[in-house]
Amino acid sequence: MRMWQCAVWVAVLAGGSAGAKAGEMVLAEAARSPFQIVIAEQASPSERYGAEELQRLLQEMSGARLPIVTDA
């Protein structure tokens, strides 16, 4: 269930707000990003793995390595 919640948050962040036009939200620019990947302090191994995979894929696409932080 927690992985599903993580996937929903990723979709929300990737999609931007409902009223935003395409291209208004920039996740990373010039291999830099102000965003972080947030996981629970007591995240399961699969949640941590999911965050690491998201980090890796976003870095491959943008060149920016988003830090993984806990919500504590």
N, C-alpha and C. Protein backbone atom coordinates (compact mmCIF):
# COMPACT_ATOMS: atom_id res chain seq x y z
N MET A 1 0.82 -1.19 0.00
CA MET A 1 0.00 0.00 0.00
C MET A 1 0.86 1.26 0.00
N ARG A 2 1.95 1.25 0.75
CA ARG A 2 2.80 2.44 0.82
C ARG A 2 3.46 2.72 -0.52
N MET A 3 3.81 1.65 -1.25
CA MET A 3 4.42 1.84 -2.57
C MET A 3 3.42 2.52 -3.49
N TRP A 4 2.15 2.15 -3.37
CA TRP A 4 1.09 2.77 -4.18
C TRP A 4 1.01 4.26 -3.85
N GLN A 5 1.08 4.62 -2.56
CA GLN A 5 1.04 6.02 -2.16
C GLN A 5 2.24 6.77 -2.75
N CYS A 6 3.39 6.15 -2.74
CA CYS A 6 4.59 6.76 -3.33
C CYS A 6 4.38 7.00 -4.82
N ALA A 7 3.81 6.02 -5.49
CA ALA A 7 3.56 6.16 -6.93
C ALA A 7 2.58 7.29 -7.21
N VAL A 8 1.58 7.45 -6.35
CA VAL A 8 0.62 8.54 -6.52
C VAL A 8 1.32 9.88 -6.37
N TRP A 9 2.18 10.01 -5.37
CA TRP A 9 2.90 11.27 -5.18
C TRP A 9 3.81 11.59 -6.35
N VAL A 10 4.45 10.58 -6.89
CA VAL A 10 5.30 10.79 -8.06
C VAL A 10 4.46 11.29 -9.22
N ALA A 11 3.29 10.69 -9.41
CA ALA A 11 2.41 11.13 -10.50
C ALA A 11 1.95 12.57 -10.29
N VAL A 12 1.64 12.92 -9.05
CA VAL A 12 1.21 14.29 -8.75
C VAL A 12 2.34 15.27 -9.04
N LEU A 13 3.54 14.95 -8.58
CA LEU A 13 4.67 15.84 -8.81
C LEU A 13 5.02 15.95 -10.28
N ALA A 14 4.96 14.84 -10.98
CA ALA A 14 5.30 14.84 -12.41
C ALA A 14 4.25 15.57 -13.22
N GLY A 15 3.00 15.48 -12.80
CA GLY A 15 1.92 16.10 -13.55
C GLY A 15 1.72 17.56 -13.25
N GLY A 16 2.26 18.03 -12.15
CA GLY A 16 2.04 19.42 -11.78
C GLY A 16 0.62 19.63 -11.29
N SER A 17 0.23 20.86 -11.17
CA SER A 17 -1.12 21.14 -10.70
C SER A 17 -2.12 20.98 -11.83
N ALA A 18 -3.38 20.82 -11.47
CA ALA A 18 -4.43 20.55 -12.47
C ALA A 18 -4.56 21.69 -13.47
N GLY A 19 -4.32 22.91 -13.05
CA GLY A 19 -4.48 24.05 -13.95
C GLY A 19 -3.22 24.44 -14.70
N ALA A 20 -2.14 23.76 -14.48
CA ALA A 20 -0.88 24.13 -15.13
C ALA A 20 -0.88 23.71 -16.59
N LYS A 21 -0.32 24.56 -17.40
CA LYS A 21 -0.16 24.23 -18.82
C LYS A 21 1.09 23.38 -18.98
N ALA A 22 1.12 22.62 -20.05
CA ALA A 22 2.28 21.77 -20.30
C ALA A 22 3.55 22.61 -20.37
N GLY A 23 4.60 22.14 -19.72
CA GLY A 23 5.88 22.83 -19.77
C GLY A 23 6.09 23.86 -18.68
N GLU A 24 5.09 24.10 -17.83
CA GLU A 24 5.26 25.11 -16.78
C GLU A 24 6.09 24.62 -15.60
N MET A 25 6.06 23.33 -15.33
CA MET A 25 6.81 22.79 -14.20
C MET A 25 8.13 22.22 -14.69
N VAL A 26 9.21 22.75 -14.17
CA VAL A 26 10.54 22.27 -14.55
C VAL A 26 11.10 21.50 -13.36
N LEU A 27 11.32 20.22 -13.55
CA LEU A 27 11.84 19.36 -12.49
C LEU A 27 13.33 19.58 -12.29
N ALA A 28 14.05 19.77 -13.38
CA ALA A 28 15.49 19.98 -13.31
C ALA A 28 15.92 20.81 -14.50
N GLU A 29 16.94 21.63 -14.28
CA GLU A 29 17.48 22.45 -15.36
C GLU A 29 18.98 22.56 -15.16
N ALA A 30 19.72 22.39 -16.23
CA ALA A 30 21.18 22.46 -16.19
C ALA A 30 21.74 21.49 -15.14
N ALA A 31 21.18 20.28 -15.10
CA ALA A 31 21.60 19.22 -14.18
C ALA A 31 21.46 19.62 -12.71
N ARG A 32 20.51 20.52 -12.42
CA ARG A 32 20.24 20.93 -11.04
C ARG A 32 18.75 20.90 -10.79
N SER A 33 18.37 20.62 -9.54
CA SER A 33 16.97 20.58 -9.18
C SER A 33 16.79 21.03 -7.74
N PRO A 34 15.74 21.81 -7.46
CA PRO A 34 15.46 22.19 -6.08
C PRO A 34 14.65 21.13 -5.34
N PHE A 35 14.26 20.06 -6.02
CA PHE A 35 13.38 19.05 -5.43
C PHE A 35 14.16 17.95 -4.72
N GLN A 36 13.45 17.23 -3.85
CA GLN A 36 14.00 16.09 -3.12
C GLN A 36 13.03 14.92 -3.25
N ILE A 37 13.52 13.73 -3.05
CA ILE A 37 12.67 12.54 -2.97
C ILE A 37 12.51 12.26 -1.48
N VAL A 38 11.29 12.31 -0.99
CA VAL A 38 11.03 12.15 0.45
C VAL A 38 10.42 10.78 0.72
N ILE A 39 11.02 10.08 1.67
CA ILE A 39 10.49 8.78 2.10
C ILE A 39 10.28 8.83 3.61
N ALA A 40 9.49 7.91 4.12
CA ALA A 40 9.25 7.83 5.56
C ALA A 40 10.54 7.44 6.28
N GLU A 41 10.66 7.91 7.51
CA GLU A 41 11.84 7.55 8.30
C GLU A 41 11.92 6.03 8.49
N GLN A 42 10.79 5.38 8.61
CA GLN A 42 10.73 3.93 8.78
C GLN A 42 10.36 3.24 7.47
N ALA A 43 10.85 3.74 6.36
CA ALA A 43 10.52 3.18 5.04
C ALA A 43 11.00 1.73 4.95
N SER A 44 10.20 0.93 4.27
CA SER A 44 10.56 -0.48 4.07
C SER A 44 11.69 -0.57 3.04
N PRO A 45 12.35 -1.71 2.98
CA PRO A 45 13.40 -1.88 1.97
C PRO A 45 12.89 -1.66 0.55
N SER A 46 11.67 -2.10 0.26
CA SER A 46 11.14 -1.91 -1.10
C SER A 46 10.86 -0.43 -1.38
N GLU A 47 10.44 0.32 -0.37
CA GLU A 47 10.23 1.76 -0.56
C GLU A 47 11.56 2.48 -0.79
N ARG A 48 12.56 2.09 -0.04
CA ARG A 48 13.89 2.69 -0.24
C ARG A 48 14.42 2.35 -1.64
N TYR A 49 14.22 1.11 -2.06
CA TYR A 49 14.64 0.71 -3.40
C TYR A 49 13.90 1.52 -4.46
N GLY A 50 12.60 1.72 -4.26
CA GLY A 50 11.81 2.51 -5.20
C GLY A 50 12.32 3.94 -5.29
N ALA A 51 12.67 4.52 -4.15
CA ALA A 51 13.20 5.88 -4.14
C ALA A 51 14.55 5.94 -4.86
N GLU A 52 15.38 4.92 -4.65
CA GLU A 52 16.68 4.88 -5.31
C GLU A 52 16.53 4.72 -6.83
N GLU A 53 15.56 3.91 -7.24
CA GLU A 53 15.30 3.74 -8.67
C GLU A 53 14.79 5.04 -9.28
N LEU A 54 13.88 5.71 -8.58
CA LEU A 54 13.37 7.00 -9.05
C LEU A 54 14.52 7.99 -9.18
N GLN A 55 15.39 8.03 -8.18
CA GLN A 55 16.55 8.91 -8.20
C GLN A 55 17.44 8.62 -9.41
N ARG A 56 17.69 7.33 -9.64
CA ARG A 56 18.55 6.92 -10.75
C ARG A 56 17.94 7.30 -12.10
N LEU A 57 16.65 7.02 -12.27
CA LEU A 57 15.99 7.32 -13.54
C LEU A 57 15.90 8.81 -13.80
N LEU A 58 15.59 9.59 -12.77
CA LEU A 58 15.53 11.04 -12.95
C LEU A 58 16.91 11.60 -13.29
N GLN A 59 17.95 11.02 -12.70
CA GLN A 59 19.30 11.48 -13.01
C GLN A 59 19.66 11.13 -14.45
N GLU A 60 19.27 9.95 -14.91
CA GLU A 60 19.53 9.57 -16.30
C GLU A 60 18.83 10.52 -17.27
N MET A 61 17.61 10.93 -16.93
CA MET A 61 16.83 11.79 -17.82
C MET A 61 17.27 13.24 -17.78
N SER A 62 17.64 13.73 -16.58
CA SER A 62 17.87 15.17 -16.44
C SER A 62 19.31 15.55 -16.12
N GLY A 63 20.08 14.60 -15.61
CA GLY A 63 21.43 14.92 -15.16
C GLY A 63 21.46 15.39 -13.72
N ALA A 64 20.29 15.65 -13.13
CA ALA A 64 20.21 16.11 -11.74
C ALA A 64 20.01 14.92 -10.82
N ARG A 65 20.78 14.87 -9.75
CA ARG A 65 20.63 13.80 -8.76
C ARG A 65 19.86 14.35 -7.57
N LEU A 66 18.58 14.01 -7.49
CA LEU A 66 17.74 14.48 -6.39
C LEU A 66 18.09 13.71 -5.13
N PRO A 67 18.32 14.42 -4.03
CA PRO A 67 18.66 13.71 -2.79
C PRO A 67 17.45 12.96 -2.24
N ILE A 68 17.71 11.84 -1.59
CA ILE A 68 16.66 11.09 -0.90
C ILE A 68 16.74 11.47 0.57
N VAL A 69 15.64 11.99 1.10
CA VAL A 69 15.59 12.42 2.49
C VAL A 69 14.40 11.77 3.18
N THR A 70 14.44 11.75 4.52
CA THR A 70 13.30 11.22 5.27
C THR A 70 12.41 12.36 5.71
N ASP A 71 11.17 12.02 6.03
CA ASP A 71 10.20 13.04 6.42
C ASP A 71 10.31 13.44 7.88
N ALA A 72 11.33 12.95 8.58
CA ALA A 72 11.50 13.27 10.00
C ALA A 72 12.05 14.66 10.20
